[in-house]
Protein backbone atom coordinates (compact mmCIF):
# COMPACT_ATOMS: atom_id res chain seq x y z
CA MET A 1 -96.80 72.14 -0.69
CA SER A 2 -96.53 71.95 -4.46
CA THR A 3 -94.54 69.06 -5.95
CA LEU A 4 -94.01 68.07 -9.57
CA TYR A 5 -95.61 64.64 -9.33
CA ARG A 6 -98.76 66.18 -7.82
CA ASP A 7 -98.89 69.20 -10.14
CA TYR A 8 -98.48 67.05 -13.25
CA ARG A 9 -100.53 64.00 -12.23
CA PRO A 10 -102.46 62.66 -15.29
CA GLN A 11 -106.12 63.66 -15.37
CA ASN A 12 -107.31 61.45 -18.23
CA PHE A 13 -106.35 58.20 -19.97
CA SER A 14 -104.26 59.85 -22.69
CA GLU A 15 -101.94 61.45 -20.12
CA VAL A 16 -101.18 58.16 -18.34
CA LEU A 17 -97.74 56.90 -19.42
CA GLY A 18 -97.48 53.32 -20.64
CA GLN A 19 -99.87 50.64 -19.37
CA ASN A 20 -101.62 50.53 -22.76
CA HIS A 21 -102.78 46.97 -22.14
CA VAL A 22 -104.67 48.24 -19.08
CA LYS A 23 -105.97 51.47 -20.56
CA ILE A 24 -107.45 49.87 -23.68
CA SER A 25 -109.49 47.36 -21.66
CA LEU A 26 -110.80 50.01 -19.27
CA GLN A 27 -111.65 52.40 -22.11
CA HIS A 28 -113.72 49.75 -23.89
CA GLU A 29 -115.63 48.92 -20.70
CA ILE A 30 -116.40 52.59 -20.00
CA ALA A 31 -117.44 53.31 -23.60
CA ALA A 32 -119.76 50.31 -23.52
CA GLY A 33 -121.21 51.40 -20.18
CA ARG A 34 -120.34 48.09 -18.49
CA PRO A 35 -117.63 48.72 -15.87
CA ALA A 36 -116.74 45.82 -13.57
CA SER A 37 -117.75 45.80 -9.93
CA ALA A 38 -114.17 45.18 -8.71
CA TYR A 39 -110.71 45.79 -10.15
CA LEU A 40 -107.31 44.67 -8.89
CA PHE A 41 -104.34 46.81 -9.97
CA CYS A 42 -100.99 45.15 -9.12
CA GLY A 43 -97.40 45.97 -9.98
CA PRO A 44 -94.32 47.88 -8.78
CA ARG A 45 -94.62 51.16 -6.92
CA ALA A 46 -94.84 54.60 -8.56
CA ILE A 47 -96.03 53.48 -12.00
CA GLY A 48 -99.58 54.86 -12.02
CA LYS A 49 -101.89 52.39 -10.25
CA THR A 50 -103.60 54.94 -7.98
CA THR A 51 -103.54 57.59 -10.71
CA LEU A 52 -105.33 55.31 -13.16
CA ALA A 53 -107.82 54.36 -10.44
CA ARG A 54 -108.71 58.04 -10.01
CA VAL A 55 -109.04 58.54 -13.76
CA LEU A 56 -111.34 55.51 -13.90
CA ALA A 57 -113.47 56.88 -11.04
CA LYS A 58 -113.66 60.25 -12.80
CA ALA A 59 -114.59 58.71 -16.15
CA VAL A 60 -117.50 56.58 -14.82
CA ASN A 61 -118.97 59.59 -12.98
CA CYS A 62 -118.33 62.33 -15.57
CA GLU A 63 -121.53 64.30 -16.15
CA LYS A 64 -120.68 65.45 -19.68
CA ARG A 65 -119.27 62.19 -21.05
CA LYS A 66 -121.41 60.95 -23.92
CA ALA A 67 -122.32 57.37 -24.80
CA GLY A 68 -119.47 55.59 -26.58
CA GLU A 69 -116.82 57.90 -25.09
CA TYR A 70 -114.42 57.09 -22.29
CA GLU A 71 -112.40 60.23 -21.51
CA PRO A 72 -113.59 62.44 -18.60
CA CYS A 73 -114.25 66.06 -19.50
CA ASN A 74 -112.41 67.50 -16.45
CA GLU A 75 -114.83 70.44 -16.57
CA CYS A 76 -118.04 69.27 -14.89
CA ALA A 77 -118.57 69.59 -11.14
CA SER A 78 -117.96 65.88 -10.59
CA CYS A 79 -114.62 65.90 -12.43
CA ARG A 80 -113.43 69.05 -10.64
CA ASN A 81 -114.34 67.66 -7.21
CA ILE A 82 -112.59 64.36 -7.88
CA THR A 83 -109.49 66.20 -9.14
CA ALA A 84 -109.45 68.33 -5.98
CA GLY A 85 -110.06 65.29 -3.75
CA LYS A 86 -113.31 66.73 -2.36
CA ASP A 87 -115.83 64.27 -3.75
CA MET A 88 -117.64 62.37 -0.98
CA ASP A 89 -118.47 59.41 -3.25
CA ILE A 90 -114.83 58.68 -4.16
CA ILE A 91 -113.40 57.09 -1.00
CA GLU A 92 -109.66 56.44 -0.84
CA ILE A 93 -108.48 54.15 1.97
CA ASP A 94 -104.90 53.41 2.95
CA ALA A 95 -104.99 49.76 3.96
CA ALA A 96 -101.58 50.10 5.61
CA SER A 97 -103.16 52.40 8.22
CA ASN A 98 -106.50 50.57 8.41
CA THR A 99 -105.60 46.92 8.60
CA GLY A 100 -108.26 45.71 11.05
CA VAL A 101 -111.66 44.23 10.42
CA ASP A 102 -113.40 47.09 12.28
CA ASN A 103 -112.07 49.63 9.79
CA VAL A 104 -113.36 47.55 6.90
CA ARG A 105 -116.82 47.36 8.48
CA GLU A 106 -116.98 51.07 9.32
CA ASN A 107 -115.25 52.60 6.29
CA ILE A 108 -116.28 50.23 3.52
CA ILE A 109 -119.25 48.01 4.34
CA ALA A 110 -121.23 50.76 6.10
CA PHE A 111 -120.54 53.41 3.44
CA SER A 112 -121.30 51.03 0.57
CA ARG A 113 -124.92 50.77 1.77
CA LEU A 114 -125.43 54.49 1.10
CA ALA A 115 -126.35 55.44 -2.45
CA PRO A 116 -124.14 58.02 -4.22
CA THR A 117 -125.20 61.66 -3.97
CA GLY A 118 -126.32 62.55 -7.47
CA LYS A 119 -123.69 60.40 -9.23
CA LYS A 120 -123.71 57.12 -11.03
CA PHE A 121 -121.18 55.22 -8.91
CA LYS A 122 -119.63 55.21 -5.46
CA VAL A 123 -115.98 54.21 -5.90
CA PHE A 124 -113.73 52.73 -3.19
CA ILE A 125 -109.99 52.96 -3.93
CA ILE A 126 -108.10 50.77 -1.44
CA ASP A 127 -104.34 51.37 -1.66
CA GLU A 128 -101.82 48.73 -0.48
CA VAL A 129 -104.68 46.28 -0.01
CA HIS A 130 -102.25 43.44 0.81
CA MET A 131 -101.73 45.05 4.24
CA LEU A 132 -105.23 44.08 5.40
CA SER A 133 -105.46 41.34 8.02
CA MET A 134 -107.01 38.00 7.13
CA SER A 135 -110.15 38.81 9.12
CA ALA A 136 -110.43 42.12 7.27
CA PHE A 137 -110.11 40.31 3.94
CA ASN A 138 -112.85 37.91 5.00
CA ALA A 139 -115.13 40.82 5.87
CA LEU A 140 -114.32 42.52 2.55
CA LEU A 141 -114.85 39.35 0.54
CA LYS A 142 -118.65 39.25 0.84
CA ILE A 143 -119.22 42.87 -0.18
CA ILE A 144 -116.85 42.46 -3.17
CA GLU A 145 -118.62 39.29 -4.23
CA GLU A 146 -122.12 40.81 -4.16
CA PRO A 147 -121.78 44.63 -4.12
CA PRO A 148 -124.63 47.06 -4.73
CA SER A 149 -125.03 47.97 -8.40
CA TYR A 150 -123.71 51.49 -7.78
CA VAL A 151 -120.44 50.44 -6.04
CA ILE A 152 -117.06 49.90 -7.72
CA PHE A 153 -114.01 48.62 -5.83
CA ILE A 154 -110.48 49.34 -7.07
CA LEU A 155 -107.82 47.46 -5.08
CA CYS A 156 -104.18 48.52 -5.56
CA THR A 157 -101.20 46.47 -4.36
CA THR A 158 -97.47 46.06 -4.87
CA GLU A 159 -97.43 42.52 -3.42
CA ILE A 160 -100.07 40.48 -5.17
CA GLN A 161 -98.85 37.25 -3.54
CA LYS A 162 -100.19 38.49 -0.19
CA VAL A 163 -103.74 38.96 -1.48
CA PRO A 164 -105.95 35.89 -0.88
CA SER A 165 -106.93 34.00 -4.01
CA THR A 166 -110.58 34.26 -3.00
CA VAL A 167 -110.33 38.06 -3.35
CA ILE A 168 -108.33 37.89 -6.59
CA SER A 169 -110.92 35.59 -8.19
CA ARG A 170 -113.67 38.18 -7.67
CA CYS A 171 -111.77 41.03 -9.35
CA GLU A 172 -110.63 41.96 -12.83
CA ARG A 173 -106.87 41.75 -12.43
CA TYR A 174 -104.48 44.08 -14.30
CA ASP A 175 -100.70 43.78 -14.00
CA PHE A 176 -98.88 47.09 -14.39
CA LYS A 177 -95.35 47.32 -15.81
CA ARG A 178 -92.47 49.69 -15.22
CA ILE A 179 -92.36 52.67 -17.54
CA SER A 180 -89.72 52.82 -20.26
CA VAL A 181 -86.91 55.36 -20.23
CA LYS A 182 -88.16 56.84 -23.49
CA GLU A 183 -91.63 57.56 -22.09
CA ILE A 184 -90.23 58.99 -18.84
CA VAL A 185 -87.89 61.31 -20.79
CA LYS A 186 -90.88 62.49 -22.82
CA LYS A 187 -92.82 63.33 -19.66
CA LEU A 188 -89.82 65.05 -18.01
CA SER A 189 -89.23 67.11 -21.14
CA TYR A 190 -92.89 68.18 -21.07
CA ILE A 191 -92.57 69.25 -17.41
CA ALA A 192 -89.35 71.17 -18.10
CA ASN A 193 -91.01 73.07 -20.96
CA ARG A 194 -93.99 73.95 -18.82
CA GLU A 195 -91.67 75.16 -16.05
CA LYS A 196 -89.63 77.10 -18.64
CA ILE A 197 -86.36 75.48 -17.61
CA GLU A 198 -83.90 74.20 -20.21
CA VAL A 199 -82.39 70.82 -19.29
CA ASP A 200 -79.82 68.87 -21.30
CA GLY A 201 -81.20 65.71 -22.90
CA ALA A 202 -78.41 63.69 -21.27
CA VAL A 203 -79.60 64.87 -17.84
CA LEU A 204 -83.18 63.81 -18.55
CA GLU A 205 -81.99 60.39 -19.71
CA ALA A 206 -79.84 60.03 -16.59
CA VAL A 207 -82.81 60.93 -14.38
CA ALA A 208 -85.06 58.49 -16.23
CA ARG A 209 -82.54 55.65 -15.96
CA ARG A 210 -81.87 56.32 -12.29
CA SER A 211 -85.61 56.15 -11.54
CA GLY A 212 -85.68 52.51 -12.62
CA GLY A 213 -88.98 52.85 -14.45
CA HIS A 214 -90.79 54.57 -11.54
CA LEU A 215 -92.27 57.84 -12.80
CA ARG A 216 -92.84 59.42 -9.40
CA ASP A 217 -89.17 58.88 -8.51
CA ALA A 218 -88.11 60.54 -11.77
CA GLU A 219 -90.37 63.55 -11.16
CA SER A 220 -89.09 63.94 -7.59
CA LEU A 221 -85.48 63.82 -8.80
CA LEU A 222 -86.23 66.38 -11.52
CA GLY A 223 -87.69 68.64 -8.82
CA GLN A 224 -84.37 68.47 -6.96
CA ILE A 225 -82.54 69.49 -10.13
CA PHE A 226 -84.94 72.42 -10.62
CA SER A 227 -84.09 73.55 -7.09
CA LEU A 228 -80.62 74.52 -8.34
CA GLY A 229 -82.35 77.70 -9.46
CA ASP A 230 -80.88 78.08 -12.95
CA LYS A 231 -82.95 78.44 -16.11
CA LYS A 232 -80.50 76.21 -17.97
CA ILE A 233 -79.17 73.05 -16.32
CA THR A 234 -76.16 71.22 -17.74
CA SER A 235 -74.80 67.78 -16.96
CA GLU A 236 -72.11 69.25 -14.69
CA GLN A 237 -74.69 71.09 -12.61
CA ALA A 238 -76.99 68.07 -12.43
CA GLU A 239 -74.17 65.98 -10.94
CA LEU A 240 -74.49 68.09 -7.80
CA VAL A 241 -77.83 66.35 -7.23
CA ILE A 242 -77.56 62.96 -8.95
CA PRO A 243 -74.48 60.70 -9.08
CA HIS A 244 -72.71 60.56 -12.40
CA TYR A 245 -73.71 57.66 -14.62
CA ASN A 246 -70.73 56.03 -16.33
CA SER A 247 -72.71 54.40 -19.12
CA ASN A 248 -70.74 56.18 -21.87
CA GLU A 249 -67.46 55.03 -20.34
CA ALA A 250 -68.80 51.48 -19.94
CA ILE A 251 -69.74 51.42 -23.62
CA SER A 252 -66.24 52.69 -24.44
CA ILE A 253 -64.76 49.76 -22.50
CA LEU A 254 -66.85 47.30 -24.53
CA ASP A 255 -65.80 49.08 -27.72
CA TYR A 256 -62.11 48.74 -26.80
CA LEU A 257 -62.62 45.05 -25.95
CA SER A 258 -64.30 44.40 -29.30
CA HIS A 259 -61.18 45.81 -31.00
CA LYS A 260 -58.75 44.06 -28.58
CA ASP A 261 -57.38 47.43 -27.45
CA ALA A 262 -56.44 46.60 -23.86
CA ALA A 263 -54.18 49.64 -23.41
CA LYS A 264 -56.93 52.20 -23.93
CA ALA A 265 -59.38 50.21 -21.83
CA VAL A 266 -56.99 49.99 -18.86
CA GLU A 267 -56.12 53.67 -19.25
CA LEU A 268 -59.81 54.61 -19.14
CA VAL A 269 -60.37 52.45 -16.05
CA ASN A 270 -57.56 54.19 -14.16
CA THR A 271 -58.77 57.62 -15.27
CA LEU A 272 -62.18 56.83 -13.79
CA MET A 273 -60.64 55.51 -10.58
CA ASP A 274 -58.57 58.71 -10.21
CA SER A 275 -61.76 60.75 -10.55
CA GLY A 276 -63.35 58.86 -7.67
CA VAL A 277 -65.58 56.39 -9.53
CA ASN A 278 -66.50 53.29 -7.52
CA VAL A 279 -65.02 50.37 -9.44
CA LYS A 280 -67.68 47.94 -8.21
CA VAL A 281 -70.48 50.22 -9.41
CA PHE A 282 -68.67 50.67 -12.72
CA MET A 283 -68.36 46.91 -13.23
CA GLY A 284 -72.07 46.62 -12.48
CA GLU A 285 -72.72 49.14 -15.25
CA ILE A 286 -70.64 47.06 -17.70
CA ILE A 287 -72.48 43.87 -16.72
CA SER A 288 -75.85 45.61 -17.15
CA LEU A 289 -74.89 46.67 -20.68
CA LEU A 290 -73.71 43.16 -21.55
CA ARG A 291 -76.98 41.74 -20.25
CA ARG A 292 -78.85 44.21 -22.42
CA LEU A 293 -76.85 43.14 -25.48
CA MET A 294 -77.46 39.45 -24.78
CA LEU A 295 -81.20 40.02 -24.47
CA ASP A 296 -81.11 41.97 -27.73
CA LYS A 297 -79.47 38.98 -29.41
CA LEU A 298 -82.21 36.70 -28.10
CA ASN A 299 -85.10 39.00 -28.98
CA PRO A 300 -84.84 42.71 -29.90
CA GLU A 301 -88.20 43.42 -28.25
CA MET A 302 -87.22 41.84 -24.94
CA ALA A 303 -85.20 44.83 -23.70
CA ASP A 304 -88.17 47.16 -24.22
CA ASN A 305 -90.55 44.79 -22.47
CA LEU A 306 -88.23 44.56 -19.47
CA GLY A 307 -87.68 48.31 -19.26
CA LEU A 308 -83.99 48.10 -20.16
CA ASP A 309 -83.83 50.85 -22.78
CA LEU A 310 -81.01 53.33 -22.20
CA GLY A 311 -82.17 56.45 -23.98
CA GLU A 312 -81.63 57.56 -27.57
CA ASN A 313 -77.99 58.72 -27.28
CA LEU A 314 -76.69 55.61 -25.54
CA GLU A 315 -78.76 53.30 -27.74
CA LYS A 316 -77.01 54.59 -30.86
CA ARG A 317 -73.54 54.02 -29.41
CA LEU A 318 -74.44 50.60 -28.07
CA ARG A 319 -75.79 49.45 -31.44
CA LEU A 320 -72.47 50.34 -33.09
CA VAL A 321 -70.54 48.33 -30.49
CA ALA A 322 -72.93 45.38 -30.79
CA GLU A 323 -72.06 45.04 -34.48
CA ASN A 324 -68.53 43.92 -33.51
CA LEU A 325 -69.61 41.39 -30.86
CA ASP A 326 -71.15 37.99 -31.49
CA TRP A 327 -73.12 35.84 -29.05
CA GLU A 328 -70.11 33.81 -27.87
CA GLN A 329 -68.11 36.95 -27.06
CA LEU A 330 -71.02 38.47 -25.12
CA PHE A 331 -71.37 35.30 -23.11
CA LEU A 332 -67.64 35.13 -22.32
CA PHE A 333 -67.40 38.84 -21.50
CA THR A 334 -70.33 38.64 -19.10
CA ARG A 335 -68.99 35.57 -17.31
CA ARG A 336 -65.53 37.12 -16.96
CA PHE A 337 -66.79 40.45 -15.60
CA LEU A 338 -69.00 38.64 -13.10
CA GLU A 339 -65.88 36.85 -11.86
CA ALA A 340 -64.02 40.17 -11.68
CA ALA A 341 -66.86 41.70 -9.65
CA ASN A 342 -66.60 38.84 -7.13
CA ASP A 343 -62.79 39.09 -6.99
CA ASN A 344 -63.06 42.82 -6.27
CA ARG A 345 -64.34 42.14 -2.75
CA SER A 346 -60.94 41.01 -1.49
CA SER A 347 -58.59 42.81 -3.87
CA LEU A 348 -55.87 45.04 -2.40
CA ILE A 349 -55.96 47.13 -5.58
CA PRO A 350 -59.65 47.81 -6.39
CA GLN A 351 -59.24 48.09 -10.16
CA LEU A 352 -56.87 45.10 -10.53
CA PRO A 353 -59.57 42.44 -11.11
CA LEU A 354 -61.07 44.65 -13.82
CA GLU A 355 -57.68 45.18 -15.44
CA LEU A 356 -56.99 41.43 -15.38
CA ALA A 357 -60.34 40.74 -17.02
CA ILE A 358 -59.60 43.28 -19.75
CA GLY A 359 -56.15 41.80 -20.40
CA GLU A 360 -57.38 38.22 -20.52
CA LEU A 361 -60.29 39.01 -22.84
CA CYS A 362 -58.03 40.96 -25.21
CA PHE A 363 -55.01 38.63 -25.25
CA GLY A 364 -56.93 35.34 -25.05
CA SER A 365 -55.21 33.94 -21.95
CA SER A 366 -58.44 33.55 -19.99
CA PRO A 367 -59.96 30.07 -19.69
CA LEU A 368 -63.21 31.63 -20.88
CA ALA A 369 -61.70 33.68 -23.68
CA VAL A 370 -60.06 30.77 -25.53
CA SER A 371 -62.41 29.36 -28.13
CA THR A 372 -61.89 27.34 -31.29
CA SER A 373 -64.04 27.39 -34.35
CA SER A 374 -64.67 23.66 -33.98
CA ASP A 375 -66.43 24.28 -30.65
CA ILE A 376 -69.37 25.85 -32.46
CA ASN A 377 -70.47 22.48 -33.86
CA LEU A 378 -70.00 20.57 -30.61
CA PRO A 379 -72.89 19.76 -28.26
CA LYS A 380 -73.83 22.54 -25.85
CA ASN A 381 -72.15 20.98 -22.82
CA GLN A 382 -68.87 20.63 -24.76
CA ALA A 383 -68.88 23.90 -26.71
CA LEU A 384 -68.58 25.98 -23.54
CA LYS A 385 -65.96 23.77 -21.90
CA ALA A 386 -63.18 25.82 -20.33
CA VAL A 387 -59.70 25.64 -21.87
CA LYS A 388 -56.54 25.93 -19.83
CA PRO A 389 -54.52 29.14 -20.32
CA ASN A 390 -51.46 29.01 -22.52
CA ILE A 391 -48.32 29.65 -20.47
CA PRO A 392 -45.01 29.93 -22.39
CA GLY A 393 -42.85 26.84 -21.87
CA THR A 394 -45.65 24.75 -20.34
CA GLN A 395 -48.22 24.60 -23.10
CA ALA A 396 -50.87 21.97 -22.43
CA PRO A 397 -51.41 19.31 -25.10
CA ALA A 398 -54.31 19.69 -27.48
CA SER A 399 -57.57 18.07 -26.53
CA PRO A 400 -58.15 14.68 -28.12
CA ALA A 401 -61.80 15.65 -28.70
CA VAL A 402 -60.79 17.86 -31.63
CA GLY A 403 -59.18 16.42 -34.76
CA ARG A 404 -58.15 13.06 -33.17
CA LYS A 405 -59.96 9.73 -33.20
CA PRO A 406 -59.66 6.92 -30.61
CA LEU A 407 -57.71 3.81 -31.51
CA SER A 408 -59.47 1.28 -33.68
CA SER A 409 -59.24 -2.44 -32.97
CA SER A 410 -56.48 -2.77 -35.59
CA GLN A 411 -54.36 -0.08 -33.95
CA ASN A 412 -54.19 -1.53 -30.44
CA LEU A 413 -50.92 -0.86 -28.67
CA SER A 414 -49.05 -3.84 -27.23
CA SER A 415 -48.00 -4.24 -23.63
CA GLU A 416 -44.38 -3.89 -24.75
CA GLU A 417 -45.06 -0.48 -26.33
CA ILE A 418 -46.85 0.76 -23.20
CA THR A 419 -44.03 -0.44 -20.95
CA ALA A 420 -41.31 1.04 -23.16
CA LYS A 421 -42.86 4.51 -23.34
CA TRP A 422 -44.28 4.69 -19.80
CA PRO A 423 -41.16 6.43 -18.34
CA GLU A 424 -41.36 9.04 -21.12
CA PHE A 425 -45.03 9.58 -20.25
CA LEU A 426 -44.17 10.14 -16.56
CA VAL A 427 -41.53 12.71 -17.49
CA LYS A 428 -43.84 14.64 -19.83
CA ILE A 429 -46.74 14.81 -17.43
CA LYS A 430 -44.50 16.54 -14.87
CA LYS A 431 -44.61 19.62 -17.10
CA TYR A 432 -48.36 19.96 -16.55
CA ASN A 433 -48.73 18.68 -13.00
CA HIS A 434 -45.67 17.82 -10.95
CA SER A 435 -47.42 15.86 -8.18
CA LEU A 436 -49.42 13.86 -10.72
CA SER A 437 -46.25 12.08 -11.81
CA PHE A 438 -45.82 10.60 -8.31
CA VAL A 439 -49.43 9.38 -8.29
CA LEU A 440 -48.96 7.63 -11.64
CA GLN A 441 -45.76 5.95 -10.44
CA ASN A 442 -47.93 4.07 -7.99
CA CYS A 443 -50.14 2.40 -10.58
CA GLU A 444 -49.83 -0.39 -13.12
CA PRO A 445 -50.92 0.25 -16.73
CA ARG A 446 -52.82 -2.59 -18.34
CA ILE A 447 -53.98 -2.76 -21.93
CA VAL A 448 -57.66 -3.14 -22.75
CA LYS A 449 -58.81 -3.64 -26.32
CA ASP A 450 -60.53 -1.00 -28.46
CA GLY A 451 -58.20 1.82 -27.56
CA SER A 452 -58.58 1.90 -23.79
CA LEU A 453 -55.88 1.93 -21.15
CA CYS A 454 -56.66 0.76 -17.63
CA LEU A 455 -54.62 2.16 -14.74
CA VAL A 456 -54.74 -0.14 -11.73
CA PHE A 457 -54.23 1.52 -8.32
CA LYS A 458 -53.76 0.00 -4.94
CA TYR A 459 -55.31 2.89 -3.04
CA LYS A 460 -58.66 4.55 -3.55
CA PHE A 461 -57.42 8.14 -3.06
CA HIS A 462 -55.02 7.68 -6.00
CA ARG A 463 -57.84 6.50 -8.27
CA ASP A 464 -60.13 9.35 -7.14
CA ARG A 465 -57.40 11.85 -7.97
CA ILE A 466 -57.08 10.49 -11.51
CA ASN A 467 -60.86 10.45 -12.01
CA ASP A 468 -61.11 14.19 -11.38
CA ALA A 469 -62.32 15.73 -14.65
CA ASN A 470 -59.43 18.20 -15.05
CA ILE A 471 -56.76 15.67 -14.05
CA LYS A 472 -58.19 13.00 -16.32
CA SER A 473 -58.13 15.44 -19.25
CA ILE A 474 -54.42 16.18 -18.64
CA VAL A 475 -53.59 12.45 -18.48
CA GLU A 476 -55.49 11.60 -21.67
CA ASN A 477 -53.93 14.51 -23.55
CA THR A 478 -50.43 13.48 -22.45
CA LEU A 479 -51.08 9.86 -23.42
CA ALA A 480 -52.09 11.04 -26.88
CA GLU A 481 -48.91 13.14 -27.09
CA VAL A 482 -46.63 10.24 -26.13
CA PHE A 483 -48.31 7.36 -27.93
CA GLY A 484 -49.50 9.32 -30.92
CA SER A 485 -53.12 8.21 -30.69
CA GLY A 486 -56.13 8.92 -28.51
CA LEU A 487 -56.37 6.50 -25.60
CA CYS A 488 -59.50 6.33 -23.47
CA LEU A 489 -58.59 6.17 -19.79
CA GLU A 490 -60.14 3.76 -17.28
CA SER A 491 -59.15 3.03 -13.70
CA MET A 492 -59.70 0.36 -11.05
CA ILE A 493 -58.48 -0.68 -7.61
CA ASP A 494 -56.53 -3.86 -6.80
CA GLU A 495 -55.56 -4.08 -3.14
CA ASN A 496 -53.12 -6.92 -3.94
CA LEU A 497 -51.18 -4.83 -6.42
CA ASP A 498 -47.40 -5.14 -5.91
CA LEU A 499 -45.82 -1.68 -6.14
CA ASN A 500 -42.23 -2.78 -5.31
CA ARG A 501 -40.52 -1.66 -8.51
CA GLU A 502 -37.13 -3.14 -7.60
CA GLU A 503 -38.46 -6.71 -7.44
CA LYS A 504 -41.07 -6.39 -10.15
CA THR A 505 -40.01 -7.75 -13.52
CA ALA A 506 -43.27 -8.70 -15.18
CA GLU A 507 -44.50 -6.64 -18.04
CA PRO A 508 -47.93 -4.97 -17.93
CA ALA A 509 -50.60 -7.61 -18.17
CA SER A 510 -53.44 -7.53 -20.61
CA VAL A 511 -56.93 -7.63 -19.16
CA SER A 512 -60.36 -7.62 -20.72
CA ALA A 513 -63.06 -5.07 -20.18
CA SER A 514 -65.13 -7.65 -18.25
CA GLU A 515 -62.27 -8.14 -15.78
CA ILE A 516 -62.25 -4.44 -15.01
CA GLN A 517 -65.88 -4.57 -13.95
CA SER A 518 -65.50 -7.78 -11.92
CA PRO A 519 -65.53 -7.66 -8.09
CA LEU A 520 -62.20 -6.81 -6.50
CA PRO A 521 -60.35 -9.81 -4.96
CA GLU A 522 -60.05 -10.08 -1.21
CA PRO A 523 -56.58 -9.50 0.25
CA SER A 524 -54.66 -12.66 1.12
CA PRO A 525 -54.35 -13.65 4.78
CA GLU A 526 -50.62 -13.02 4.64
CA ALA A 527 -51.31 -9.39 3.71
CA LYS A 528 -53.54 -8.97 6.73
CA ASP A 529 -51.24 -10.12 9.51
CA GLY A 530 -47.76 -11.32 10.30
CA ASP A 531 -44.78 -10.30 8.23
CA GLY A 532 -47.05 -9.71 5.24
CA GLY A 533 -48.91 -7.02 7.18
CA LYS A 534 -45.65 -5.29 8.10
CA ALA A 535 -44.55 -5.34 4.48
CA ALA A 536 -47.87 -3.89 3.38
CA ASN A 537 -47.58 -1.09 5.95
CA HIS A 538 -44.02 -0.41 4.85
CA ASN A 539 -45.11 -0.20 1.19
CA LEU A 540 -48.01 2.11 2.08
CA MET A 541 -45.70 4.49 3.95
CA SER A 542 -43.23 4.49 1.07
CA ASP A 543 -45.99 5.32 -1.38
CA LEU A 544 -47.25 8.18 0.76
CA LEU A 545 -43.76 9.66 1.07
CA LYS A 546 -43.25 9.42 -2.70
CA THR A 547 -46.60 11.00 -3.46
CA PHE A 548 -46.66 13.90 -1.01
CA GLY A 549 -42.97 14.28 -0.10
CA GLY A 550 -41.47 14.24 3.40
CA GLU A 551 -39.47 12.02 5.70
CA VAL A 552 -40.06 9.79 8.70
CA ILE A 553 -38.95 11.30 12.01
CA ASN A 554 -38.32 8.75 14.79
């Protein structure tokens, strides 16, 4: 049965798409008359490994090829027989069907002892060689290491990691790459012209992109489109065979985001959803485009090397959008859409996570979307630090890291100032975290020199709560708001701390930094048993009720 990928299989080096790094080396070896005894072709499927192996076998045995040339003539008896698959000296073996050592002995070792019939070389092409058993590899190893002068081995594999290193070391290894969209479109256009069928350029680009860089897949898909029977195939007709690619719409979304036009972006999303587009697939398309743009920012040649080109029409549109997006925006957009893709798994409304992402990136309410110009000059681990969203009426205080310096030794606050403004601090912090106010009521502030404030807690879980990075940031920001200067926050545990506010009259004590790091004192014996123990238990229960709310039920 005739198929496109068989009818249009390359018959010489010039027809092989891509793989120039492989072709140039092989051409020089053939022209010099010094081909290697064993080659190893590795890489993804359907990119030309077996095809190039056949071209190589044809070139070394071509009867009309002159010295210094490398292309087979495709006219002599040897070339015609190899093209038709009838040559007895070109032996193709499917290792997936012949995995055992007996097959290697019978089909390879035994045949290699026979000289070629009127040709220069006997060529063994072993496809999917990684499927051979270890004993088969061991049997193959000796003949590859010391083959007869007229034998050439060409091993092809998609999983190089499964080939023993002893075999790899005896071969010339060539790593094949996926074929670019541009080259695939060129080949598909050539096939369409030969078949006298007119196909829209957008359809060819869609086929090439859907193939993922695998030429045989693209040719098979084009054959399905040709089966529609028309002499002119439009995008609408092609969608009967291949799913619609929403790359144009995804680029439009990025264009709207670059201009902060959330209304049009959300409208486009809902139009696509009404037409039956899978929102998860669409978000994947957006993320793929953002990845492409980020790689372009890093190195313009990287996208081509990784096979990420989109085709001429989409490339033009994407370049225009990229002009309005800088590196920071691309990074934030990608992170936010990745979050939206994860949220989509449990969303009752499929497009809602995408709509939220669009709104946050346009209006700046996302933790990732908020960025200040001063962040650019900060160290890497601080420049990308998330910022809390701005909610009307509960705006978080500005970070002390920007535009505010810690207290100097001459600006130290006194214990009286801390005590006087502490109630105001507790009231203000309720705006940002209601439960945090109860935790801070169960501590004692103590002044440490050089602009530090030490909060002394009786219980470890209170101190751990304050030491959480987000909580600590809120506390430090609120301290700066109340006291007008940046205070560095420290914390410690004192199990003897008296938290009875009614009986406590002493002002906050001043401690040194060395005292903070000193070992904690042991509880007094009175606090361990007797009436002291009951009082301690009573205080602990009172603190828990204040912190978490509730009542004691007898």
